[in-house]
Amino acid sequence: MNSLMKTFCRILAAAAVAAAVIGCGPKPSAAERHGWKLAVQSYTFHKFTFEEALEKTAGLGVKYIEAFPGHRLGERWGDQVFGFGMDEATRREILDLAAEKGVKIVGSGVFVAAGASQWEQEFAFARAMGLEYISAEPAMQDWDLVERLSKEYGVAVAVHNHPRPSTYWTPDSLLKAVSGRSERLGSCADVGHWKRCGLDQLDCLRKLDGRILSLHFKDIAPETAEGGPHDVVWGTGTLDVPGMLQILKEQGFQGYFAIEYEYNWDDSVPDIRRCIACFDSLSTRLFR
């Protein structure tokens, strides 16, 4: 065998090994194949630094995170917090840190502008950080500006529904605000807050068909439970998790289910693992 042929054979062998390695990698889950992606809302770990939140997210096997504005970054960054006030060097360091841990920062929220001028800063920051969306609660008078900037910067706006008296506590107010506007403007559906406000979360999801961009997904205890309707492991509370997933499947939803687990703050990882197991089991059954 001449040297040229030997070289060619070595190339083929290397290619075969690479293909085998790739083929042995983890296969996408049923949910991922249909555009459903689990993320962590970093407020879940707000008692820890953002650096620690990334570590915990990676440890859970979750590949995406939604960062809440104001999350303290970590000791090496002093008092700096996540948000448009981060200097350029810190932004690069945080993106590098997330990449090292195999986690992508896909969104930030819930952002509430102190004035119209902050919207430009927030959108510029989102694009610089490679974010797909901003979870926010825009003032009604800011919608023309928000729509223009969303188009200009290529960043979606997912409107969160804090409980009343928040403007968007009911889907009707959001639908009124975005009627006739860009499809980049929609809902960050916090299903737990709807239930706490006396709304039926299944009806709310149905109303928002086509406008749900992301979710703060959760399950909650009954109002009569000790501590009230706090977060519980998915599938063990009052929110009919299988029913919500069925509706989202029927609607063809594709996007992020952000885990915002607001209970057992100091040691929520075991509970979140059970939430993920519930999601994996139900979504596998839905898409089989």
Protein backbone atom coordinates (compact mmCIF):
# COMPACT_ATOMS: atom_id res chain seq x y z
CA MET A 1 0.00 0.00 0.00
CA ASN A 2 1.57 3.29 -1.05
CA SER A 3 1.80 6.32 1.24
CA LEU A 4 -1.08 8.14 -0.46
CA MET A 5 -3.39 5.18 0.05
CA LYS A 6 -2.28 4.83 3.69
CA THR A 7 -3.08 8.49 4.29
CA PHE A 8 -6.49 8.11 2.68
CA CYS A 9 -7.25 5.08 4.84
CA ARG A 10 -6.23 6.93 7.99
CA ILE A 11 -8.61 9.76 7.07
CA LEU A 12 -11.46 7.30 6.52
CA ALA A 13 -10.72 5.59 9.85
CA ALA A 14 -10.67 8.91 11.69
CA ALA A 15 -13.96 9.89 10.09
CA ALA A 16 -15.50 6.59 11.12
CA VAL A 17 -14.38 7.06 14.73
CA ALA A 18 -15.77 10.60 14.79
CA ALA A 19 -19.09 9.41 13.40
CA ALA A 20 -19.24 6.66 16.01
CA VAL A 21 -18.55 9.12 18.81
CA ILE A 22 -21.23 11.48 17.56
CA GLY A 23 -23.66 8.59 17.19
CA CYS A 24 -23.04 7.51 20.79
CA GLY A 25 -23.90 10.95 22.16
CA PRO A 26 -27.13 11.55 24.04
CA LYS A 27 -30.15 11.54 21.79
CA PRO A 28 -32.63 14.41 21.97
CA SER A 29 -35.58 13.70 24.24
CA ALA A 30 -39.12 13.44 22.90
CA ALA A 31 -39.78 16.96 24.19
CA GLU A 32 -36.68 18.39 22.52
CA ARG A 33 -37.54 16.78 19.19
CA HIS A 34 -40.82 18.71 19.27
CA GLY A 35 -39.26 22.06 20.25
CA TRP A 36 -39.89 21.88 24.00
CA LYS A 37 -36.88 23.02 26.01
CA LEU A 38 -36.45 23.00 29.78
CA ALA A 39 -34.72 26.01 31.31
CA VAL A 40 -34.15 27.29 34.83
CA GLN A 41 -35.33 30.74 35.89
CA SER A 42 -32.36 31.87 37.92
CA TYR A 43 -34.62 33.40 40.59
CA THR A 44 -35.03 29.79 41.71
CA PHE A 45 -31.47 30.11 43.05
CA HIS A 46 -31.52 33.79 44.00
CA LYS A 47 -30.13 32.98 47.45
CA PHE A 48 -26.99 31.90 45.63
CA THR A 49 -24.84 33.80 43.14
CA PHE A 50 -25.47 33.62 39.40
CA GLU A 51 -22.24 31.65 39.09
CA GLU A 52 -23.64 29.11 41.55
CA ALA A 53 -27.00 29.13 39.71
CA LEU A 54 -25.19 28.16 36.50
CA GLU A 55 -23.44 25.36 38.37
CA LYS A 56 -26.70 24.04 39.81
CA THR A 57 -28.44 24.29 36.43
CA ALA A 58 -25.66 22.30 34.77
CA GLY A 59 -25.78 19.75 37.59
CA LEU A 60 -29.48 19.22 36.91
CA GLY A 61 -28.70 18.44 33.27
CA VAL A 62 -30.59 21.54 32.09
CA LYS A 63 -28.99 23.35 29.16
CA TYR A 64 -30.75 26.71 29.31
CA ILE A 65 -31.21 29.48 31.85
CA GLU A 66 -33.33 32.62 32.08
CA ALA A 67 -31.50 35.18 34.21
CA PHE A 68 -33.37 37.51 36.49
CA PRO A 69 -32.17 41.15 36.48
CA GLY A 70 -30.44 41.87 39.76
CA HIS A 71 -29.00 38.41 40.32
CA ARG A 72 -25.61 38.94 42.01
CA LEU A 73 -22.96 37.50 39.73
CA GLY A 74 -20.41 36.14 42.19
CA GLU A 75 -17.53 37.04 44.42
CA ARG A 76 -15.05 37.73 41.66
CA TRP A 77 -17.34 40.44 40.24
CA GLY A 78 -17.90 42.26 43.52
CA ASP A 79 -21.33 43.86 43.74
CA GLN A 80 -22.16 43.55 40.03
CA VAL A 81 -25.53 42.03 39.17
CA PHE A 82 -26.97 40.58 35.99
CA GLY A 83 -28.40 43.29 33.75
CA PHE A 84 -27.58 46.03 31.28
CA GLY A 85 -25.30 47.70 33.84
CA MET A 86 -22.70 44.95 33.40
CA ASP A 87 -19.51 46.23 31.76
CA GLU A 88 -18.32 44.67 28.51
CA ALA A 89 -15.57 42.57 30.09
CA THR A 90 -17.99 41.13 32.63
CA ARG A 91 -20.48 40.29 29.91
CA ARG A 92 -17.85 38.29 28.06
CA GLU A 93 -16.78 36.54 31.24
CA ILE A 94 -20.35 35.54 32.13
CA LEU A 95 -20.99 34.21 28.61
CA ASP A 96 -17.72 32.26 28.73
CA LEU A 97 -18.58 30.88 32.17
CA ALA A 98 -22.00 29.71 31.01
CA ALA A 99 -20.49 28.09 27.91
CA GLU A 100 -17.90 26.28 30.03
CA LYS A 101 -20.74 24.74 32.06
CA GLY A 102 -22.73 23.82 28.94
CA VAL A 103 -25.53 26.27 29.74
CA LYS A 104 -26.93 28.91 27.38
CA ILE A 105 -28.45 32.14 28.70
CA VAL A 106 -31.58 32.40 26.54
CA GLY A 107 -33.57 35.15 28.23
CA SER A 108 -33.73 37.66 31.05
CA GLY A 109 -36.58 38.77 33.22
CA VAL A 110 -38.77 39.84 34.67
CA PHE A 111 -37.68 43.26 33.43
CA VAL A 112 -39.67 46.33 34.46
CA ALA A 113 -38.41 49.58 32.92
CA ALA A 114 -38.03 52.54 35.28
CA GLY A 115 -38.68 54.76 32.27
CA ALA A 116 -38.92 54.57 28.50
CA SER A 117 -35.19 55.32 28.13
CA GLN A 118 -34.26 52.02 29.77
CA TRP A 119 -35.86 49.98 27.02
CA GLU A 120 -33.12 50.85 24.53
CA GLN A 121 -30.48 49.78 27.07
CA GLU A 122 -32.26 46.52 27.79
CA PHE A 123 -32.66 45.56 24.13
CA ALA A 124 -29.05 46.46 23.31
CA PHE A 125 -27.91 44.35 26.25
CA ALA A 126 -30.10 41.43 25.19
CA ARG A 127 -28.67 41.42 21.68
CA ALA A 128 -25.10 41.73 22.96
CA MET A 129 -25.65 38.72 25.23
CA GLY A 130 -27.32 36.67 22.48
CA LEU A 131 -30.65 36.47 24.30
CA GLU A 132 -33.71 35.24 22.45
CA TYR A 133 -36.25 37.06 24.56
CA ILE A 134 -36.86 39.49 27.38
CA SER A 135 -39.49 38.54 29.94
CA ALA A 136 -41.08 41.84 30.95
CA GLU A 137 -44.14 43.81 32.04
CA PRO A 138 -44.20 46.89 29.78
CA ALA A 139 -46.16 49.98 30.71
CA MET A 140 -49.14 50.33 28.39
CA GLN A 141 -47.81 53.60 26.96
CA ASP A 142 -44.53 51.91 25.98
CA TRP A 143 -45.92 49.34 23.54
CA ASP A 144 -45.15 51.23 20.34
CA LEU A 145 -41.55 51.67 21.51
CA VAL A 146 -41.25 48.05 22.66
CA GLU A 147 -42.56 46.74 19.35
CA ARG A 148 -40.15 48.92 17.35
CA LEU A 149 -37.15 47.90 19.44
CA SER A 150 -38.11 44.22 19.34
CA LYS A 151 -38.04 44.35 15.56
CA GLU A 152 -34.86 46.46 15.42
CA TYR A 153 -32.86 44.23 17.79
CA GLY A 154 -34.40 40.88 16.85
CA VAL A 155 -35.36 40.07 20.44
CA ALA A 156 -38.81 38.84 21.45
CA VAL A 157 -40.75 40.18 24.43
CA ALA A 158 -42.58 37.63 26.58
CA VAL A 159 -44.97 39.40 28.94
CA HIS A 160 -45.11 37.98 32.44
CA ASN A 161 -48.28 37.90 34.55
CA HIS A 162 -47.56 38.83 38.14
CA PRO A 163 -50.69 38.62 40.32
CA ARG A 164 -53.17 41.49 40.45
CA PRO A 165 -52.98 44.43 40.65
CA SER A 166 -50.31 43.82 37.97
CA THR A 167 -51.54 45.05 34.59
CA TYR A 168 -51.18 41.62 32.99
CA TRP A 169 -52.59 39.38 35.71
CA THR A 170 -55.26 38.18 33.26
CA PRO A 171 -54.66 37.03 29.65
CA ASP A 172 -57.32 39.46 28.44
CA SER A 173 -55.17 42.50 29.22
CA LEU A 174 -52.18 41.05 27.40
CA LEU A 175 -54.23 40.09 24.37
CA LYS A 176 -55.63 43.61 24.22
CA ALA A 177 -52.11 45.09 24.41
CA VAL A 178 -50.62 42.95 21.62
CA SER A 179 -53.63 42.77 19.32
CA GLY A 180 -52.51 43.58 15.79
CA ARG A 181 -48.86 43.72 16.85
CA SER A 182 -45.81 41.64 15.96
CA GLU A 183 -45.73 37.91 16.69
CA ARG A 184 -42.49 38.61 18.57
CA LEU A 185 -44.69 39.99 21.36
CA GLY A 186 -46.49 37.46 23.49
CA SER A 187 -46.78 35.76 26.85
CA CYS A 188 -44.36 34.44 29.43
CA ALA A 189 -47.09 32.37 31.02
CA ASP A 190 -46.73 31.94 34.78
CA VAL A 191 -49.33 29.24 35.31
CA GLY A 192 -49.05 29.36 39.10
CA HIS A 193 -49.90 33.05 39.34
CA TRP A 194 -53.08 32.51 37.32
CA LYS A 195 -54.28 29.88 39.77
CA ARG A 196 -53.39 32.08 42.76
CA CYS A 197 -55.55 34.82 41.23
CA GLY A 198 -58.55 32.51 40.95
CA LEU A 199 -58.17 31.93 37.21
CA ASP A 200 -58.28 28.55 35.48
CA GLN A 201 -54.79 28.03 34.06
CA LEU A 202 -56.12 25.69 31.37
CA ASP A 203 -58.54 28.34 30.09
CA CYS A 204 -55.76 30.94 30.22
CA LEU A 205 -53.49 28.78 28.07
CA ARG A 206 -56.29 28.24 25.57
CA LYS A 207 -56.98 31.99 25.35
CA LEU A 208 -53.32 32.69 24.56
CA ASP A 209 -53.10 30.18 21.72
CA GLY A 210 -50.42 31.43 19.32
CA ARG A 211 -49.10 34.08 21.71
CA ILE A 212 -47.25 31.93 24.25
CA LEU A 213 -43.52 32.51 23.78
CA SER A 214 -42.26 30.95 27.03
CA LEU A 215 -43.53 29.74 30.39
CA HIS A 216 -42.68 30.00 34.05
CA PHE A 217 -43.89 26.47 34.56
CA LYS A 218 -44.83 25.08 37.95
CA ASP A 219 -47.29 23.22 40.11
CA ILE A 220 -48.69 24.57 43.38
CA ALA A 221 -50.16 23.28 46.62
CA PRO A 222 -53.83 23.83 47.55
CA GLU A 223 -54.70 27.10 49.28
CA THR A 224 -55.48 25.07 52.40
CA ALA A 225 -51.94 23.68 52.58
CA GLU A 226 -49.60 24.82 55.31
CA GLY A 227 -47.86 27.88 53.89
CA GLY A 228 -50.58 28.40 51.28
CA PRO A 229 -50.38 27.64 47.55
CA HIS A 230 -46.59 27.36 47.39
CA ASP A 231 -44.64 25.56 44.67
CA VAL A 232 -44.58 21.78 44.81
CA VAL A 233 -43.05 19.04 42.69
CA TRP A 234 -44.76 18.94 39.30
CA GLY A 235 -47.61 16.49 39.15
CA THR A 236 -48.26 16.54 42.92
CA GLY A 237 -50.25 19.78 43.17
CA THR A 238 -53.41 21.43 41.88
CA LEU A 239 -52.44 22.57 38.37
CA ASP A 240 -53.17 19.51 36.19
CA VAL A 241 -49.72 19.31 34.65
CA PRO A 242 -50.72 16.64 32.07
CA GLY A 243 -53.64 18.83 30.98
CA MET A 244 -51.42 21.89 30.50
CA LEU A 245 -48.91 19.92 28.45
CA GLN A 246 -51.70 18.46 26.30
CA ILE A 247 -53.00 21.94 25.48
CA LEU A 248 -49.51 23.19 24.60
CA LYS A 249 -48.99 20.18 22.34
CA GLU A 250 -52.30 20.83 20.58
CA GLN A 251 -51.30 24.46 20.06
CA GLY A 252 -47.97 23.46 18.53
CA PHE A 253 -46.07 25.40 21.18
CA GLN A 254 -42.31 25.50 20.75
CA GLY A 255 -40.20 27.26 23.33
CA TYR A 256 -38.90 27.28 26.88
CA PHE A 257 -40.44 25.83 30.02
CA ALA A 258 -38.54 27.83 32.64
CA ILE A 259 -38.46 26.10 36.01
CA GLU A 260 -39.18 28.79 38.59
CA TYR A 261 -39.31 26.82 41.81
CA GLU A 262 -40.13 29.19 44.64
CA TYR A 263 -39.98 26.89 47.64
CA ASN A 264 -37.33 25.06 49.67
CA TRP A 265 -35.07 27.94 48.66
CA ASP A 266 -31.95 26.61 50.38
CA ASP A 267 -32.16 23.08 49.00
CA SER A 268 -34.56 22.94 46.06
CA VAL A 269 -32.41 20.79 43.74
CA PRO A 270 -33.93 17.43 44.85
CA ASP A 271 -37.45 18.79 44.24
CA ILE A 272 -36.44 20.16 40.85
CA ARG A 273 -35.00 16.80 39.83
CA ARG A 274 -38.43 15.30 40.48
CA CYS A 275 -40.05 18.07 38.42
CA ILE A 276 -37.75 17.25 35.52
CA ALA A 277 -38.53 13.54 35.85
CA CYS A 278 -42.25 14.34 35.74
CA PHE A 279 -41.79 16.51 32.64
CA ASP A 280 -39.70 13.86 30.86
CA SER A 281 -42.19 11.11 31.64
CA LEU A 282 -45.27 13.08 30.57
CA SER A 283 -43.72 14.54 27.42
CA THR A 284 -42.43 11.11 26.35
CA ARG A 285 -45.95 9.75 26.73
CA LEU A 286 -47.43 12.71 24.81
CA PHE A 287 -45.09 12.43 21.84
CA ARG A 288 -44.73 8.65 21.52
